[in-house]
PDB file of N, CA and C in Angstrom:
ATOM      1  N   UNK A   1       0.711  -1.181   0.065  1.00  0.00           N
ATOM      2  CA  UNK A   1       0.002   0.005  -0.042  1.00  0.00           C
ATOM      3  C   UNK A   1       0.867   1.258  -0.075  1.00  0.00           C
ATOM      4  N   UNK A   2       1.962   1.170   0.803  1.00  0.00           N
ATOM      5  CA  UNK A   2       2.847   2.403   0.857  1.00  0.00           C
ATOM      6  C   UNK A   2       3.517   2.682  -0.567  1.00  0.00           C
ATOM      7  N   UNK A   3       3.773   1.538  -1.308  1.00  0.00           N
ATOM      8  CA  UNK A   3       4.353   1.618  -2.587  1.00  0.00           C
ATOM      9  C   UNK A   3       3.359   2.509  -3.482  1.00  0.00           C
ATOM     10  N   UNK A   4       2.034   2.073  -3.486  1.00  0.00           N
ATOM     11  CA  UNK A   4       0.981   2.626  -4.357  1.00  0.00           C
ATOM     12  C   UNK A   4       0.885   4.122  -3.971  1.00  0.00           C
ATOM     13  N   UNK A   5       0.738   4.494  -2.733  1.00  0.00           N
ATOM     14  CA  UNK A   5       0.744   5.879  -2.324  1.00  0.00           C
ATOM     15  C   UNK A   5       1.844   6.738  -2.855  1.00  0.00           C
ATOM     16  N   UNK A   6       3.049   6.273  -2.512  1.00  0.00           N
ATOM     17  CA  UNK A   6       4.311   6.892  -3.050  1.00  0.00           C
ATOM     18  C   UNK A   6       4.272   6.996  -4.516  1.00  0.00           C
ATOM     19  N   UNK A   7       3.862   6.038  -5.319  1.00  0.00           N
ATOM     20  CA  UNK A   7       3.787   5.900  -6.829  1.00  0.00           C
ATOM     21  C   UNK A   7       2.929   7.088  -7.251  1.00  0.00           C
ATOM     22  N   UNK A   8       1.689   7.064  -6.531  1.00  0.00           N
ATOM     23  CA  UNK A   8       0.674   8.100  -7.043  1.00  0.00           C
ATOM     24  C   UNK A   8       1.055   9.394  -6.846  1.00  0.00           C
ATOM     25  N   UNK A   9       1.625   9.824  -5.641  1.00  0.00           N
ATOM     26  CA  UNK A   9       2.120  11.087  -5.303  1.00  0.00           C
ATOM     27  C   UNK A   9       3.120  11.484  -6.096  1.00  0.00           C
ATOM     28  N   UNK A  10       4.064  10.655  -6.430  1.00  0.00           N
ATOM     29  CA  UNK A  10       5.308  10.885  -7.314  1.00  0.00           C
ATOM     30  C   UNK A  10       4.704  11.257  -8.668  1.00  0.00           C
ATOM     31  N   UNK A  11       3.855  10.377  -9.305  1.00  0.00           N
ATOM     32  CA  UNK A  11       3.284  10.553 -10.491  1.00  0.00           C
ATOM     33  C   UNK A  11       2.509  11.971 -10.623  1.00  0.00           C
ATOM     34  N   UNK A  12       1.834  12.252  -9.725  1.00  0.00           N
ATOM     35  CA  UNK A  12       1.109  13.506  -9.752  1.00  0.00           C
ATOM     36  C   UNK A  12       2.008  14.772  -9.735  1.00  0.00           C
ATOM     37  N   UNK A  13       3.110  14.770  -9.033  1.00  0.00           N
ATOM     38  CA  UNK A  13       4.183  15.694  -8.909  1.00  0.00           C
ATOM     39  C   UNK A  13       4.795  15.817 -10.233  1.00  0.00           C
ATOM     40  N   UNK A  14       5.280  14.584 -10.739  1.00  0.00           N
ATOM     41  CA  UNK A  14       6.029  14.674 -12.060  1.00  0.00           C
ATOM     42  C   UNK A  14       4.945  15.250 -13.157  1.00  0.00           C
ATOM     43  N   UNK A  15       3.811  14.852 -13.163  1.00  0.00           N
ATOM     44  CA  UNK A  15       2.919  15.459 -14.322  1.00  0.00           C
ATOM     45  C   UNK A  15       2.784  16.913 -14.049  1.00  0.00           C
ATOM     46  N   UNK A  16       2.630  17.491 -12.815  1.00  0.00           N
ATOM     47  CA  UNK A  16       2.634  18.888 -12.662  1.00  0.00           C
ATOM     48  C   UNK A  16       3.909  19.609 -13.216  1.00  0.00           C
ATOM     49  N   UNK A  17       5.105  19.008 -12.753  1.00  0.00           N
ATOM     50  CA  UNK A  17       6.278  19.593 -13.218  1.00  0.00           C
ATOM     51  C   UNK A  17       6.480  19.621 -14.767  1.00  0.00           C
ATOM     52  N   UNK A  18       6.048  18.569 -15.410  1.00  0.00           N
ATOM     53  CA  UNK A  18       6.284  18.383 -16.786  1.00  0.00           C
ATOM     54  C   UNK A  18       5.248  19.349 -17.562  1.00  0.00           C
ATOM     55  N   UNK A  19       4.081  19.494 -16.996  1.00  0.00           N
ATOM     56  CA  UNK A  19       3.028  20.551 -17.625  1.00  0.00           C
ATOM     57  C   UNK A  19       3.535  21.912 -17.461  1.00  0.00           C
ATOM     58  N   UNK A  20       4.291  22.178 -16.346  1.00  0.00           N
ATOM     59  CA  UNK A  20       4.990  23.607 -16.232  1.00  0.00           C
ATOM     60  C   UNK A  20       6.146  23.748 -17.107  1.00  0.00           C
ATOM     61  N   UNK A  21       7.060  22.663 -17.195  1.00  0.00           N
ATOM     62  CA  UNK A  21       8.376  22.835 -17.819  1.00  0.00           C
ATOM     63  C   UNK A  21       8.250  22.736 -19.363  1.00  0.00           C
ATOM     64  N   UNK A  22       7.408  21.950 -19.939  1.00  0.00           N
ATOM     65  CA  UNK A  22       7.352  21.827 -21.413  1.00  0.00           C
ATOM     66  C   UNK A  22       6.993  23.115 -22.130  1.00  0.00           C
ATOM     67  N   UNK A  23       6.041  23.764 -21.687  1.00  0.00           N
ATOM     68  CA  UNK A  23       5.640  25.065 -22.389  1.00  0.00           C
ATOM     69  C   UNK A  23       6.814  26.092 -22.269  1.00  0.00           C
ATOM     70  N   UNK A  24       7.466  26.013 -21.052  1.00  0.00           N
ATOM     71  CA  UNK A  24       8.657  27.135 -20.917  1.00  0.00           C
ATOM     72  C   UNK A  24       9.763  26.668 -21.937  1.00  0.00           C
ATOM     73  N   UNK A  25      10.078  25.277 -21.935  1.00  0.00           N
ATOM     74  CA  UNK A  25      11.094  24.850 -22.826  1.00  0.00           C
ATOM     75  C   UNK A  25      10.729  25.062 -24.266  1.00  0.00           C
ATOM     76  N   UNK A  26       9.529  24.970 -24.617  1.00  0.00           N
ATOM     77  CA  UNK A  26       8.990  25.234 -25.936  1.00  0.00           C
ATOM     78  C   UNK A  26       9.316  26.748 -26.372  1.00  0.00           C
ATOM     79  N   UNK A  27       9.022  27.613 -25.451  1.00  0.00           N
ATOM     80  CA  UNK A  27       9.225  29.011 -25.845  1.00  0.00           C
ATOM     81  C   UNK A  27      10.719  29.170 -25.841  1.00  0.00           C
ATOM     82  N   UNK A  28      11.412  28.727 -24.923  1.00  0.00           N
ATOM     83  CA  UNK A  28      12.923  29.016 -25.076  1.00  0.00           C
ATOM     84  C   UNK A  28      13.562  28.378 -26.210  1.00  0.00           C
ATOM     85  N   UNK A  29      13.308  27.171 -26.569  1.00  0.00           N
ATOM     86  CA  UNK A  29      13.938  26.405 -27.594  1.00  0.00           C
ATOM     87  C   UNK A  29      13.294  26.725 -29.050  1.00  0.00           C
ATOM     88  N   UNK A  30      12.087  27.259 -28.966  1.00  0.00           N
ATOM     89  CA  UNK A  30      11.286  27.528 -30.188  1.00  0.00           C
ATOM     90  C   UNK A  30      11.287  26.353 -31.014  1.00  0.00           C
ATOM     91  N   UNK A  31      10.704  25.169 -30.605  1.00  0.00           N
ATOM     92  CA  UNK A  31      10.589  24.077 -31.381  1.00  0.00           C
ATOM     93  C   UNK A  31       8.982  23.683 -31.204  1.00  0.00           C
ATOM     94  N   UNK A  32       8.562  22.920 -32.209  1.00  0.00           N
ATOM     95  CA  UNK A  32       7.157  22.463 -32.349  1.00  0.00           C
ATOM     96  C   UNK A  32       6.937  21.210 -31.586  1.00  0.00           C
ATOM     97  N   UNK A  33       5.811  21.301 -30.948  1.00  0.00           N
ATOM     98  CA  UNK A  33       5.491  20.032 -30.146  1.00  0.00           C
ATOM     99  C   UNK A  33       4.463  19.380 -30.945  1.00  0.00           C
ATOM    100  N   UNK A  34       4.403  17.878 -30.701  1.00  0.00           N
ATOM    101  CA  UNK A  34       3.345  17.109 -31.425  1.00  0.00           C
ATOM    102  C   UNK A  34       1.949  17.370 -30.902  1.00  0.00           C
ATOM    103  N   UNK A  35       0.957  16.969 -31.520  1.00  0.00           N
ATOM    104  CA  UNK A  35      -0.408  17.130 -31.081  1.00  0.00           C
ATOM    105  C   UNK A  35      -0.554  16.838 -29.672  1.00  0.00           C
ATOM    106  N   UNK A  36      -1.526  17.375 -29.076  1.00  0.00           N
ATOM    107  CA  UNK A  36      -1.705  17.205 -27.508  1.00  0.00           C
ATOM    108  C   UNK A  36      -2.007  15.783 -27.158  1.00  0.00           C
ATOM    109  N   UNK A  37      -2.832  15.013 -27.916  1.00  0.00           N
ATOM    110  CA  UNK A  37      -2.891  13.675 -27.402  1.00  0.00           C
ATOM    111  C   UNK A  37      -1.687  12.812 -27.527  1.00  0.00           C
ATOM    112  N   UNK A  38      -0.849  13.015 -28.522  1.00  0.00           N
ATOM    113  CA  UNK A  38       0.438  12.296 -28.750  1.00  0.00           C
ATOM    114  C   UNK A  38       1.365  12.754 -27.559  1.00  0.00           C
ATOM    115  N   UNK A  39       1.418  14.043 -27.206  1.00  0.00           N
ATOM    116  CA  UNK A  39       2.343  14.567 -26.240  1.00  0.00           C
ATOM    117  C   UNK A  39       1.887  14.080 -24.886  1.00  0.00           C
ATOM    118  N   UNK A  40       0.627  14.034 -24.529  1.00  0.00           N
ATOM    119  CA  UNK A  40       0.162  13.577 -23.265  1.00  0.00           C
ATOM    120  C   UNK A  40       0.537  12.133 -22.992  1.00  0.00           C
ATOM    121  N   UNK A  41       0.310  11.210 -23.916  1.00  0.00           N
ATOM    122  CA  UNK A  41       0.689   9.778 -23.587  1.00  0.00           C
ATOM    123  C   UNK A  41       2.134   9.645 -23.518  1.00  0.00           C
ATOM    124  N   UNK A  42       2.953  10.369 -24.265  1.00  0.00           N
ATOM    125  CA  UNK A  42       4.370  10.331 -24.212  1.00  0.00           C
ATOM    126  C   UNK A  42       4.963  10.811 -22.869  1.00  0.00           C
ATOM    127  N   UNK A  43       4.268  11.956 -22.449  1.00  0.00           N
ATOM    128  CA  UNK A  43       4.776  12.359 -21.078  1.00  0.00           C
ATOM    129  C   UNK A  43       4.258  11.414 -19.971  1.00  0.00           C
ATOM    130  N   UNK A  44       3.242  10.692 -20.171  1.00  0.00           N
ATOM    131  CA  UNK A  44       2.809   9.821 -19.328  1.00  0.00           C
ATOM    132  C   UNK A  44       3.735   8.599 -19.053  1.00  0.00           C
ATOM    133  N   UNK A  45       4.275   8.054 -20.213  1.00  0.00           N
ATOM    134  CA  UNK A  45       5.159   7.126 -20.291  1.00  0.00           C
ATOM    135  C   UNK A  45       6.528   7.481 -19.487  1.00  0.00           C
ATOM    136  N   UNK A  46       6.810   8.808 -19.739  1.00  0.00           N
ATOM    137  CA  UNK A  46       8.214   9.304 -19.074  1.00  0.00           C
ATOM    138  C   UNK A  46       7.864   9.285 -17.627  1.00  0.00           C
ATOM    139  N   UNK A  47       6.561   9.776 -17.146  1.00  0.00           N
ATOM    140  CA  UNK A  47       6.366  10.038 -15.736  1.00  0.00           C
ATOM    141  C   UNK A  47       6.330   8.548 -15.022  1.00  0.00           C
ATOM    142  N   UNK A  48       5.653   7.658 -15.602  1.00  0.00           N
ATOM    143  CA  UNK A  48       5.469   6.326 -14.956  1.00  0.00           C
ATOM    144  C   UNK A  48       6.795   5.623 -14.912  1.00  0.00           C
ATOM    145  N   UNK A  49       7.661   5.776 -16.083  1.00  0.00           N
ATOM    146  CA  UNK A  49       8.994   5.052 -16.031  1.00  0.00           C
ATOM    147  C   UNK A  49       9.883   5.670 -15.011  1.00  0.00           C
ATOM    148  N   UNK A  50       9.904   7.039 -15.006  1.00  0.00           N
ATOM    149  CA  UNK A  50      10.739   7.681 -13.926  1.00  0.00           C
ATOM    150  C   UNK A  50      10.313   7.416 -12.673  1.00  0.00           C
ATOM    151  N   UNK A  51       9.039   7.367 -12.424  1.00  0.00           N
ATOM    152  CA  UNK A  51       8.528   7.185 -10.977  1.00  0.00           C
ATOM    153  C   UNK A  51       8.706   5.648 -10.590  1.00  0.00           C
ATOM    154  N   UNK A  52       8.672   4.757 -11.530  1.00  0.00           N
ATOM    155  CA  UNK A  52       8.911   3.313 -11.057  1.00  0.00           C
ATOM    156  C   UNK A  52      10.258   3.116 -10.921  1.00  0.00           C
ATOM    157  N   UNK A  53      11.083   3.685 -11.624  1.00  0.00           N
ATOM    158  CA  UNK A  53      12.523   3.700 -11.345  1.00  0.00           C
ATOM    159  C   UNK A  53      12.992   4.103  -9.982  1.00  0.00           C
ATOM    160  N   UNK A  54      12.382   5.343  -9.582  1.00  0.00           N
ATOM    161  CA  UNK A  54      12.753   5.848  -8.308  1.00  0.00           C
ATOM    162  C   UNK A  54      12.122   5.087  -7.183  1.00  0.00           C
ATOM    163  N   UNK A  55      10.984   4.558  -7.347  1.00  0.00           N
ATOM    164  CA  UNK A  55      10.361   3.671  -6.431  1.00  0.00           C
ATOM    165  C   UNK A  55      11.254   2.421  -6.190  1.00  0.00           C
ATOM    166  N   UNK A  56      11.692   1.853  -7.307  1.00  0.00           N
ATOM    167  CA  UNK A  56      12.419   0.526  -7.216  1.00  0.00           C
ATOM    168  C   UNK A  56      13.757   0.819  -6.457  1.00  0.00           C
ATOM    169  N   UNK A  57      14.353   1.954  -6.829  1.00  0.00           N
ATOM    170  CA  UNK A  57      15.634   2.194  -6.223  1.00  0.00           C
ATOM    171  C   UNK A  57      15.611   2.794  -4.735  1.00  0.00           C
ATOM    172  N   UNK A  58      14.365   3.422  -4.400  1.00  0.00           N
ATOM    173  CA  UNK A  58      14.316   4.002  -3.159  1.00  0.00           C
ATOM    174  C   UNK A  58      13.787   3.170  -2.112  1.00  0.00           C
TER     175      UNK A  58
END
C-alpha cells in the first residue's frame, strides 16, 4: 500500500512539473510540439517510467 501511495504522489508531482516545464522549454527552444494527445501519452510514459525507477531504487 505504501508503494502505491508513493507511486501515485510521485506521478502527480511529475505530471505537474512536466506540464509547467514543457511550455517554458518550448518557448525557450522555439521548437514545435506534437499534437496534444500524442504529447500527453508520451509524457505519461516518461512519468510512469521515472517514478517506477525511483520507487524501485528508493
